[in-house]
C-alpha atoms as a PDB file:
ATOM      1  CA  UNK A   1     -11.136 -54.430 -48.056  1.00  0.00           C
ATOM      2  CA  UNK A   2     -11.045 -57.475 -50.308  1.00  0.00           C
ATOM      3  CA  UNK A   3     -13.093 -57.388 -53.916  1.00  0.00           C
ATOM      4  CA  UNK A   4     -14.175 -60.911 -54.721  1.00  0.00           C
ATOM      5  CA  UNK A   5     -15.137 -61.397 -58.363  1.00  0.00           C
ATOM      6  CA  UNK A   6     -18.572 -62.602 -57.949  1.00  0.00           C
ATOM      7  CA  UNK A   7     -20.723 -62.218 -61.383  1.00  0.00           C
ATOM      8  CA  UNK A   8     -20.530 -61.804 -64.939  1.00  0.00           C
ATOM      9  CA  UNK A   9     -23.511 -60.695 -66.868  1.00  0.00           C
ATOM     10  CA  UNK A  10     -23.743 -62.290 -70.724  1.00  0.00           C
ATOM     11  CA  UNK A  11     -25.754 -61.070 -72.777  1.00  0.00           C
ATOM     12  CA  UNK A  12     -27.851 -63.147 -75.132  1.00  0.00           C
ATOM     13  CA  UNK A  13     -30.528 -62.681 -77.712  1.00  0.00           C
ATOM     14  CA  UNK A  14     -32.409 -65.824 -76.650  1.00  0.00           C
ATOM     15  CA  UNK A  15     -32.384 -66.743 -73.574  1.00  0.00           C
ATOM     16  CA  UNK A  16     -34.019 -70.145 -73.664  1.00  0.00           C
ATOM     17  CA  UNK A  17     -31.366 -71.303 -76.693  1.00  0.00           C
ATOM     18  CA  UNK A  18     -28.433 -69.811 -74.087  1.00  0.00           C
ATOM     19  CA  UNK A  19     -30.253 -71.519 -71.253  1.00  0.00           C
ATOM     20  CA  UNK A  20     -30.420 -74.959 -73.509  1.00  0.00           C
ATOM     21  CA  UNK A  21     -26.305 -74.619 -73.563  1.00  0.00           C
ATOM     22  CA  UNK A  22     -25.470 -73.944 -70.176  1.00  0.00           C
ATOM     23  CA  UNK A  23     -27.571 -77.198 -69.310  1.00  0.00           C
ATOM     24  CA  UNK A  24     -25.406 -78.576 -71.410  1.00  0.00           C
ATOM     25  CA  UNK A  25     -22.229 -78.021 -69.602  1.00  0.00           C
ATOM     26  CA  UNK A  26     -24.048 -79.031 -66.135  1.00  0.00           C
ATOM     27  CA  UNK A  27     -23.124 -75.695 -64.217  1.00  0.00           C
ATOM     28  CA  UNK A  28     -25.084 -75.222 -61.279  1.00  0.00           C
ATOM     29  CA  UNK A  29     -28.273 -73.299 -62.116  1.00  0.00           C
ATOM     30  CA  UNK A  30     -28.972 -70.602 -58.939  1.00  0.00           C
ATOM     31  CA  UNK A  31     -31.929 -68.655 -60.469  1.00  0.00           C
ATOM     32  CA  UNK A  32     -34.233 -68.371 -63.545  1.00  0.00           C
ATOM     33  CA  UNK A  33     -36.580 -64.954 -63.224  1.00  0.00           C
ATOM     34  CA  UNK A  34     -38.751 -63.873 -65.778  1.00  0.00           C
ATOM     35  CA  UNK A  35     -40.268 -60.505 -65.512  1.00  0.00           C
ATOM     36  CA  UNK A  36     -42.300 -58.263 -67.289  1.00  0.00           C
ATOM     37  CA  UNK A  37     -41.778 -57.803 -71.504  1.00  0.00           C
ATOM     38  CA  UNK A  38     -40.135 -61.011 -72.249  1.00  0.00           C
ATOM     39  CA  UNK A  39     -37.244 -59.862 -69.898  1.00  0.00           C
ATOM     40  CA  UNK A  40     -35.362 -63.085 -68.627  1.00  0.00           C
ATOM     41  CA  UNK A  41     -32.005 -63.969 -66.065  1.00  0.00           C
ATOM     42  CA  UNK A  42     -30.663 -67.113 -65.642  1.00  0.00           C
ATOM     43  CA  UNK A  43     -27.868 -67.690 -62.501  1.00  0.00           C
ATOM     44  CA  UNK A  44     -24.963 -70.280 -63.231  1.00  0.00           C
ATOM     45  CA  UNK A  45     -22.306 -70.952 -61.270  1.00  0.00           C
ATOM     46  CA  UNK A  46     -19.836 -73.789 -63.206  1.00  0.00           C
ATOM     47  CA  UNK A  47     -18.621 -76.485 -61.582  1.00  0.00           C
ATOM     48  CA  UNK A  48     -16.095 -75.588 -58.666  1.00  0.00           C
ATOM     49  CA  UNK A  49     -16.380 -71.883 -59.009  1.00  0.00           C
ATOM     50  CA  UNK A  50     -16.861 -68.975 -56.486  1.00  0.00           C
ATOM     51  CA  UNK A  51     -18.171 -67.184 -59.375  1.00  0.00           C
ATOM     52  CA  UNK A  52     -20.922 -67.320 -61.246  1.00  0.00           C
ATOM     53  CA  UNK A  53     -22.370 -66.140 -64.703  1.00  0.00           C
ATOM     54  CA  UNK A  54     -26.596 -64.659 -65.560  1.00  0.00           C
ATOM     55  CA  UNK A  55     -27.451 -65.044 -68.843  1.00  0.00           C
ATOM     56  CA  UNK A  56     -29.339 -62.203 -69.853  1.00  0.00           C
ATOM     57  CA  UNK A  57     -31.670 -60.580 -72.173  1.00  0.00           C
ATOM     58  CA  UNK A  58     -31.980 -57.098 -70.370  1.00  0.00           C
ATOM     59  CA  UNK A  59     -29.550 -56.578 -67.552  1.00  0.00           C
ATOM     60  CA  UNK A  60     -26.783 -54.646 -69.821  1.00  0.00           C
ATOM     61  CA  UNK A  61     -27.293 -52.844 -72.820  1.00  0.00           C
ATOM     62  CA  UNK A  62     -23.973 -55.008 -74.161  1.00  0.00           C
ATOM     63  CA  UNK A  63     -24.757 -56.561 -77.567  1.00  0.00           C
ATOM     64  CA  UNK A  64     -25.834 -60.576 -77.338  1.00  0.00           C
ATOM     65  CA  UNK A  65     -22.245 -62.453 -77.546  1.00  0.00           C
ATOM     66  CA  UNK A  66     -20.319 -59.110 -77.101  1.00  0.00           C
ATOM     67  CA  UNK A  67     -18.580 -60.860 -74.034  1.00  0.00           C
ATOM     68  CA  UNK A  68     -14.992 -61.879 -74.470  1.00  0.00           C
ATOM     69  CA  UNK A  69     -11.873 -63.508 -72.555  1.00  0.00           C
ATOM     70  CA  UNK A  70     -13.899 -65.100 -69.703  1.00  0.00           C
ATOM     71  CA  UNK A  71     -11.113 -67.471 -68.451  1.00  0.00           C
ATOM     72  CA  UNK A  72     -11.875 -70.690 -66.564  1.00  0.00           C
ATOM     73  CA  UNK A  73      -9.564 -72.245 -64.626  1.00  0.00           C
ATOM     74  CA  UNK A  74      -9.143 -75.699 -64.766  1.00  0.00           C
ATOM     75  CA  UNK A  75      -6.534 -78.536 -63.093  1.00  0.00           C
ATOM     76  CA  UNK A  76      -5.907 -80.237 -67.196  1.00  0.00           C
ATOM     77  CA  UNK A  77      -6.955 -78.380 -70.195  1.00  0.00           C
ATOM     78  CA  UNK A  78      -6.770 -81.496 -72.148  1.00  0.00           C
ATOM     79  CA  UNK A  79      -9.201 -83.714 -69.803  1.00  0.00           C
ATOM     80  CA  UNK A  80     -11.583 -80.246 -69.321  1.00  0.00           C
ATOM     81  CA  UNK A  81     -11.552 -79.807 -73.199  1.00  0.00           C
ATOM     82  CA  UNK A  82     -12.239 -83.341 -73.943  1.00  0.00           C
ATOM     83  CA  UNK A  83     -15.230 -83.393 -71.530  1.00  0.00           C
ATOM     84  CA  UNK A  84     -16.710 -80.024 -73.010  1.00  0.00           C
ATOM     85  CA  UNK A  85     -16.781 -81.392 -76.320  1.00  0.00           C
ATOM     86  CA  UNK A  86     -18.039 -84.573 -75.312  1.00  0.00           C
ATOM     87  CA  UNK A  87     -21.201 -82.820 -74.736  1.00  0.00           C
ATOM     88  CA  UNK A  88     -21.758 -81.500 -77.956  1.00  0.00           C
ATOM     89  CA  UNK A  89     -20.090 -78.338 -77.452  1.00  0.00           C
ATOM     90  CA  UNK A  90     -17.554 -76.562 -80.212  1.00  0.00           C
ATOM     91  CA  UNK A  91     -14.317 -75.835 -79.027  1.00  0.00           C
ATOM     92  CA  UNK A  92     -10.756 -75.897 -80.156  1.00  0.00           C
ATOM     93  CA  UNK A  93      -8.206 -77.690 -79.995  1.00  0.00           C
ATOM     94  CA  UNK A  94      -5.420 -77.277 -77.062  1.00  0.00           C
ATOM     95  CA  UNK A  95      -3.151 -74.794 -78.105  1.00  0.00           C
ATOM     96  CA  UNK A  96      -0.237 -72.182 -76.437  1.00  0.00           C
ATOM     97  CA  UNK A  97       1.117 -69.135 -77.917  1.00  0.00           C
ATOM     98  CA  UNK A  98       4.302 -69.038 -79.886  1.00  0.00           C
ATOM     99  CA  UNK A  99       5.604 -66.128 -78.004  1.00  0.00           C
ATOM    100  CA  UNK A 100       4.731 -67.249 -74.657  1.00  0.00           C
ATOM    101  CA  UNK A 101       1.721 -65.424 -72.758  1.00  0.00           C
ATOM    102  CA  UNK A 102      -1.699 -65.357 -73.052  1.00  0.00           C
ATOM    103  CA  UNK A 103      -4.206 -65.480 -76.098  1.00  0.00           C
ATOM    104  CA  UNK A 104      -4.891 -62.066 -77.788  1.00  0.00           C
ATOM    105  CA  UNK A 105      -7.571 -61.467 -80.636  1.00  0.00           C
ATOM    106  CA  UNK A 106      -4.256 -62.571 -83.517  1.00  0.00           C
ATOM    107  CA  UNK A 107      -5.003 -66.065 -84.160  1.00  0.00           C
ATOM    108  CA  UNK A 108      -1.730 -66.781 -85.931  1.00  0.00           C
ATOM    109  CA  UNK A 109       0.246 -67.052 -82.741  1.00  0.00           C
ATOM    110  CA  UNK A 110      -0.923 -69.975 -82.157  1.00  0.00           C
ATOM    111  CA  UNK A 111       0.644 -73.581 -81.336  1.00  0.00           C
ATOM    112  CA  UNK A 112      -1.037 -76.528 -81.799  1.00  0.00           C
ATOM    113  CA  UNK A 113      -0.445 -78.657 -78.488  1.00  0.00           C
ATOM    114  CA  UNK A 114       0.055 -78.358 -74.526  1.00  0.00           C
ATOM    115  CA  UNK A 115       2.793 -75.403 -73.468  1.00  0.00           C
ATOM    116  CA  UNK A 116       6.100 -76.693 -73.487  1.00  0.00           C
ATOM    117  CA  UNK A 117       7.284 -78.503 -70.159  1.00  0.00           C
ATOM    118  CA  UNK A 118       3.472 -78.299 -69.496  1.00  0.00           C
ATOM    119  CA  UNK A 119       4.112 -74.729 -68.177  1.00  0.00           C
ATOM    120  CA  UNK A 120       1.466 -73.700 -65.737  1.00  0.00           C
ATOM    121  CA  UNK A 121      -0.527 -71.128 -67.437  1.00  0.00           C
ATOM    122  CA  UNK A 122       0.274 -71.352 -70.458  1.00  0.00           C
ATOM    123  CA  UNK A 123      -2.337 -74.115 -72.499  1.00  0.00           C
ATOM    124  CA  UNK A 124      -5.616 -73.446 -73.922  1.00  0.00           C
ATOM    125  CA  UNK A 125      -8.555 -74.391 -75.282  1.00  0.00           C
ATOM    126  CA  UNK A 126     -11.633 -71.298 -76.552  1.00  0.00           C
ATOM    127  CA  UNK A 127     -15.461 -72.079 -76.190  1.00  0.00           C
ATOM    128  CA  UNK A 128     -18.130 -69.703 -77.300  1.00  0.00           C
ATOM    129  CA  UNK A 129     -21.921 -69.873 -76.381  1.00  0.00           C
ATOM    130  CA  UNK A 130     -24.247 -69.489 -79.003  1.00  0.00           C
ATOM    131  CA  UNK A 131     -24.596 -65.842 -79.293  1.00  0.00           C
ATOM    132  CA  UNK A 132     -20.383 -66.265 -79.096  1.00  0.00           C
ATOM    133  CA  UNK A 133     -19.573 -65.192 -75.817  1.00  0.00           C
ATOM    134  CA  UNK A 134     -16.331 -66.588 -75.197  1.00  0.00           C
ATOM    135  CA  UNK A 135     -14.486 -68.728 -72.523  1.00  0.00           C
ATOM    136  CA  UNK A 136     -11.165 -69.478 -72.567  1.00  0.00           C
ATOM    137  CA  UNK A 137      -9.770 -72.670 -71.028  1.00  0.00           C
ATOM    138  CA  UNK A 138      -6.653 -72.098 -69.458  1.00  0.00           C
ATOM    139  CA  UNK A 139      -4.440 -74.815 -67.277  1.00  0.00           C
ATOM    140  CA  UNK A 140      -3.398 -73.976 -64.134  1.00  0.00           C
ATOM    141  CA  UNK A 141      -1.528 -76.174 -62.464  1.00  0.00           C
ATOM    142  CA  UNK A 142       1.005 -73.901 -59.826  1.00  0.00           C
ATOM    143  CA  UNK A 143       0.059 -70.758 -58.757  1.00  0.00           C
ATOM    144  CA  UNK A 144       2.266 -67.614 -58.773  1.00  0.00           C
ATOM    145  CA  UNK A 145       2.722 -66.433 -55.812  1.00  0.00           C
ATOM    146  CA  UNK A 146       0.312 -65.263 -53.441  1.00  0.00           C
ATOM    147  CA  UNK A 147      -2.178 -66.864 -56.019  1.00  0.00           C
ATOM    148  CA  UNK A 148      -4.576 -69.105 -53.722  1.00  0.00           C
END
């Protein structure tokens, strides 16, 4: 049985403001649903992704901006970071963890720049939408065995 990650719901406080942000990323707009009592859900698919996001003010009881650690895998984290910054979106500088590994809520181990020898899986940059939902860019150039 295959289990394919399809969709992540991102709670937002102001869908129109969030939509303007995601439009700047130039992700594919799939659906924009408006319902009763101000309900709205907007479905986007990041460029090159099989999985999508929905920004909404009523699909979950999670607090707006509470989604953390949503990874966006890229071939070149420096180029992806530059692209996002050029769109007027605040994003961290590229960094790696001093001890290796992936970013955590602790920022004291972050070291500026690419991972040593540009090791696949270990270079990052982080940005957030207007509510604080977090995306982590992760550079992967060579996959671990068994991954596609």
